[in-house]
Protein backbone atom coordinates (compact mmCIF):
# COMPACT_ATOMS: atom_id res chain seq x y z
CA MET A 1 0.57 -13.73 4.58
CA GLY A 2 0.75 -13.26 0.82
CA MET A 3 2.86 -11.49 -1.76
CA PHE A 4 0.60 -8.42 -1.64
CA VAL A 5 -1.84 -8.99 1.25
CA ASN A 6 -0.70 -8.88 4.88
CA PRO A 7 3.07 -8.96 4.21
CA ASP A 8 5.65 -9.91 6.83
CA ASN A 9 8.18 -7.52 8.38
CA SER A 10 11.35 -8.88 6.76
CA ALA A 11 11.95 -5.85 4.50
CA PHE A 12 11.94 -3.46 7.46
CA GLN A 13 14.16 -5.83 9.46
CA VAL A 14 16.85 -5.38 6.79
CA ALA A 15 16.78 -1.61 7.46
CA LEU A 16 17.08 -2.16 11.21
CA ASN A 17 20.03 -4.50 10.67
CA SER A 18 21.92 -1.85 8.72
CA GLU A 19 24.86 0.09 10.09
CA ILE A 20 23.00 3.37 9.64
CA TYR A 21 19.29 3.57 10.49
CA VAL A 22 17.37 6.77 11.20
CA ASP A 23 14.33 6.21 13.42
CA LYS A 24 11.31 7.68 11.60
CA THR A 25 8.70 5.75 13.58
CA GLY A 26 7.47 9.00 15.11
CA MET A 27 5.44 9.53 11.93
CA LEU A 28 3.33 6.51 12.92
CA GLU A 29 1.72 8.71 15.57
CA TYR A 30 0.33 10.80 12.72
CA THR A 31 -0.81 7.87 10.57
CA ASN A 32 -2.46 6.33 13.64
CA LYS A 33 -4.38 9.58 14.12
CA VAL A 34 -5.75 9.72 10.56
CA ILE A 35 -6.79 6.07 10.19
CA ASN A 36 -10.35 5.83 8.85
CA THR A 37 -10.66 9.60 8.30
CA LEU A 38 -10.78 11.86 5.26
CA GLN A 39 -7.16 12.76 6.03
CA GLY A 40 -6.10 9.13 5.68
CA TYR A 41 -4.83 9.62 2.11
CA ILE A 42 -1.13 10.45 2.20
CA CYS A 43 1.33 10.90 -0.66
CA ASN A 44 4.99 11.17 0.35
CA SER A 45 6.69 12.69 -2.70
CA ARG A 46 10.45 13.13 -2.45
CA PRO A 47 13.50 12.89 -4.75
CA ARG A 48 15.29 9.57 -4.98
CA ARG A 49 17.37 8.33 -2.01
CA PHE A 50 15.21 9.97 0.66
CA GLY A 51 14.25 6.67 2.33
CA LYS A 52 10.72 6.48 0.92
CA SER A 53 10.77 2.69 0.50
CA VAL A 54 12.20 2.17 3.99
CA THR A 55 9.33 4.24 5.37
CA ALA A 56 6.75 2.28 3.37
CA ASN A 57 8.27 -0.97 4.67
CA MET A 58 8.09 0.46 8.19
CA LEU A 59 4.35 1.11 7.85
CA ALA A 60 3.75 -2.39 6.50
CA ALA A 61 5.74 -3.98 9.33
CA TYR A 62 3.87 -1.95 11.96
CA TYR A 63 0.32 -2.39 10.70
CA SER A 64 0.22 -5.78 8.93
CA LYS A 65 -1.65 -8.69 10.48
CA GLY A 66 0.81 -10.95 8.67
CA CYS A 67 3.53 -10.59 11.32
CA ASP A 68 4.29 -9.88 14.97
CA SER A 69 6.47 -6.77 15.15
CA ARG A 70 6.24 -5.80 18.82
CA GLU A 71 9.83 -6.72 19.62
CA MET A 72 11.06 -5.03 16.44
CA PHE A 73 9.47 -1.69 17.41
CA SER A 74 9.96 -1.99 21.19
CA THR A 75 13.10 0.19 21.26
CA LEU A 76 11.94 2.72 18.66
CA LYS A 77 10.20 6.05 19.24
CA ILE A 78 6.68 4.85 18.44
CA SER A 79 6.82 2.43 21.40
CA GLU A 80 6.50 5.48 23.68
CA SER A 81 3.17 6.46 22.09
CA ILE A 82 -0.10 5.63 23.83
CA GLY A 83 -1.45 4.29 20.52
CA PHE A 84 1.42 1.84 20.04
CA GLU A 85 -0.27 -1.34 21.28
CA LYS A 86 -3.68 -0.37 19.94
CA ASN A 87 -2.50 -0.31 16.34
CA ILE A 88 0.47 -2.61 15.95
CA ASN A 89 -0.25 -5.59 13.64
CA LYS A 90 -4.02 -5.01 13.81
CA TYR A 91 -4.83 -4.28 10.14
CA ASP A 92 -5.29 -5.98 6.79
CA VAL A 93 -2.59 -4.43 4.62
CA ILE A 94 -2.22 -4.45 0.84
CA TYR A 95 1.35 -3.58 -0.11
CA ILE A 96 2.19 -2.78 -3.74
CA ASP A 97 5.63 -1.89 -5.08
CA PHE A 98 4.71 -0.36 -8.43
CA SER A 99 8.33 -0.41 -9.62
CA ARG A 100 8.37 -4.22 -9.88
CA LEU A 101 7.74 -5.74 -13.28
CA PRO A 102 6.78 -9.21 -14.50
CA GLU A 103 9.63 -11.10 -16.15
CA ASN A 104 10.32 -9.78 -19.67
CA CYS A 105 7.50 -7.25 -19.32
CA GLN A 106 6.81 -5.38 -22.56
CA THR A 107 3.23 -4.12 -22.20
CA TYR A 108 1.03 -2.26 -19.75
CA GLU A 109 -1.39 -5.20 -19.71
CA GLU A 110 1.34 -7.54 -18.48
CA TYR A 111 2.39 -4.99 -15.88
CA ILE A 112 -1.03 -4.24 -14.38
CA ASN A 113 -2.27 -7.84 -14.61
CA ARG A 114 0.57 -8.99 -12.35
CA ILE A 115 -0.71 -6.59 -9.69
CA LYS A 116 -4.42 -7.30 -10.13
CA THR A 117 -4.03 -11.07 -10.34
CA GLY A 118 -1.56 -11.23 -7.46
CA ILE A 119 -3.81 -9.28 -5.09
CA LYS A 120 -6.87 -11.27 -6.09
CA GLU A 121 -5.10 -14.59 -5.51
CA ASP A 122 -3.97 -13.43 -2.06
CA LEU A 123 -7.49 -12.28 -1.16
CA LEU A 124 -9.08 -15.53 -2.31
CA GLU A 125 -6.60 -17.41 -0.15
CA GLU A 126 -7.14 -15.07 2.82
CA PHE A 127 -10.96 -15.25 2.66
CA PRO A 128 -11.83 -18.74 1.31
CA GLU A 129 -15.13 -18.83 3.18
CA LEU A 130 -16.52 -15.93 1.11
CA GLU A 131 -16.35 -17.82 -2.19
CA LEU A 132 -14.88 -14.83 -4.01
CA LYS A 133 -14.52 -15.11 -7.78
CA GLU A 134 -11.31 -14.09 -9.53
CA GLU A 135 -13.20 -12.73 -12.54
CA MET A 136 -14.71 -9.97 -10.36
CA SER A 137 -13.00 -6.59 -10.42
CA LEU A 138 -10.51 -6.04 -7.63
CA TRP A 139 -12.58 -3.25 -6.08
CA ASP A 140 -15.73 -5.39 -6.16
CA ILE A 141 -13.88 -8.19 -4.36
CA LEU A 142 -12.69 -5.75 -1.69
CA ALA A 143 -16.19 -4.24 -1.35
CA LYS A 144 -17.68 -7.71 -0.90
CA ILE A 145 -15.12 -8.58 1.77
CA PHE A 146 -16.05 -5.41 3.64
CA GLN A 147 -19.77 -6.11 3.21
CA LYS A 148 -19.45 -9.64 4.57
CA THR A 149 -16.82 -9.14 7.29
CA ASN A 150 -16.68 -5.39 8.03
CA ARG A 151 -12.89 -5.61 7.53
CA LYS A 152 -11.18 -2.65 5.88
CA PHE A 153 -7.77 -2.43 4.23
CA MET A 154 -4.70 -0.27 4.47
CA PHE A 155 -3.01 0.39 1.12
CA ILE A 156 0.72 0.99 1.23
CA MET A 157 2.01 1.75 -2.27
CA ASP A 158 5.65 2.33 -3.06
CA GLU A 159 6.73 4.28 -6.18
CA TRP A 160 3.18 4.80 -7.38
CA ASP A 161 4.45 6.96 -10.27
CA ALA A 162 6.90 4.36 -11.66
CA VAL A 163 4.49 3.85 -14.59
CA PHE A 164 5.22 7.34 -15.86
CA HIS A 165 8.89 6.48 -16.34
CA MET A 166 8.41 3.20 -18.24
CA PRO A 167 9.15 3.64 -21.97
CA PHE A 168 6.76 0.94 -23.21
CA ILE A 169 3.67 2.53 -21.63
CA SER A 170 1.67 5.00 -23.74
CA GLN A 171 -0.07 8.19 -22.64
CA LYS A 172 -3.44 6.46 -23.01
CA GLU A 173 -2.27 3.63 -20.75
CA ARG A 174 -1.06 6.13 -18.16
CA GLN A 175 -4.59 7.51 -18.06
CA GLU A 176 -5.91 3.95 -17.67
CA TYR A 177 -3.54 3.52 -14.73
CA LEU A 178 -4.88 6.66 -13.04
CA LEU A 179 -8.40 5.31 -13.55
CA PHE A 180 -7.30 2.01 -11.97
CA LEU A 181 -6.07 3.85 -8.86
CA LYS A 182 -9.22 5.97 -8.74
CA ASN A 183 -11.49 2.90 -8.89
CA LEU A 184 -9.38 1.12 -6.29
CA LEU A 185 -9.14 3.94 -3.75
CA LYS A 186 -11.47 6.89 -4.25
CA ASP A 187 -14.66 6.96 -2.15
CA GLN A 188 -14.31 3.26 -1.32
CA VAL A 189 -15.71 2.21 2.06
CA TYR A 190 -13.07 -0.48 2.48
CA VAL A 191 -10.13 1.98 2.59
CA GLU A 192 -8.75 2.40 6.12
CA LEU A 193 -5.63 4.30 5.09
CA ALA A 194 -3.80 4.89 1.81
CA TYR A 195 -0.11 5.78 1.85
CA MET A 196 1.81 6.32 -1.40
CA THR A 197 5.40 7.24 -2.20
CA GLY A 198 6.62 8.80 -5.43
CA ILE A 199 9.26 11.06 -6.90
CA LEU A 200 7.00 13.94 -7.92
CA PRO A 201 3.69 15.23 -6.50
CA ILE A 202 0.41 13.78 -7.75
CA ALA A 203 -0.48 17.10 -9.39
CA LYS A 204 2.33 16.46 -11.88
CA TYR A 205 0.40 13.52 -13.32
CA SER A 206 -3.23 13.82 -12.22
CA ALA A 207 -4.29 17.29 -13.29
CA ALA A 208 -7.97 16.34 -13.07
CA SER A 209 -9.74 14.86 -10.04
CA GLU A 210 -8.73 11.20 -10.29
CA LEU A 211 -6.64 11.27 -7.11
CA ASN A 212 -7.61 14.57 -5.54
CA MET A 213 -8.31 12.86 -2.19
CA PHE A 214 -4.53 12.90 -1.70
């Protein structure tokens, strides 16, 4: 279990502990159905305060190998599904909250390096036997893991469009960010599922084909 790779279920537990919780686990039946398919790229775009982060935390808690969530989900709707046991806590998950910044962050480089470096460090710790090198690109590290182990990854990404609301990031850097997501996700054999949340639809930001798989 790392900061980005194979997270635990503590964030979703907070939602379950709350006085008001709306059971949205029925959507897991759909995500289970589209795992490892061309339809496995999902962008949930909604206005603020629609529970997007709670839903992302739910997916991480259900799929991540970094925890045991059977008891947590045992009284929720998904437990009635025939695919419940087949999929719960069976996947390598990479969870990214794009709204989080490094301390005193003032540049795009500082922002994106926190994400890249953090994921790489988690992967090197998770797969020490593969002798992965931190200087490799993130997508090359993931491709090598798949090549050597046949293990794929689920990407759960909260507030993917947070970059577009940060005043210190230029238009050129926003394009670099779209290219980062394209290199990480598009046509990559190691992607099992990609689920993103945001305020506005992808078409608002990616007018070209960078993220058209969503």
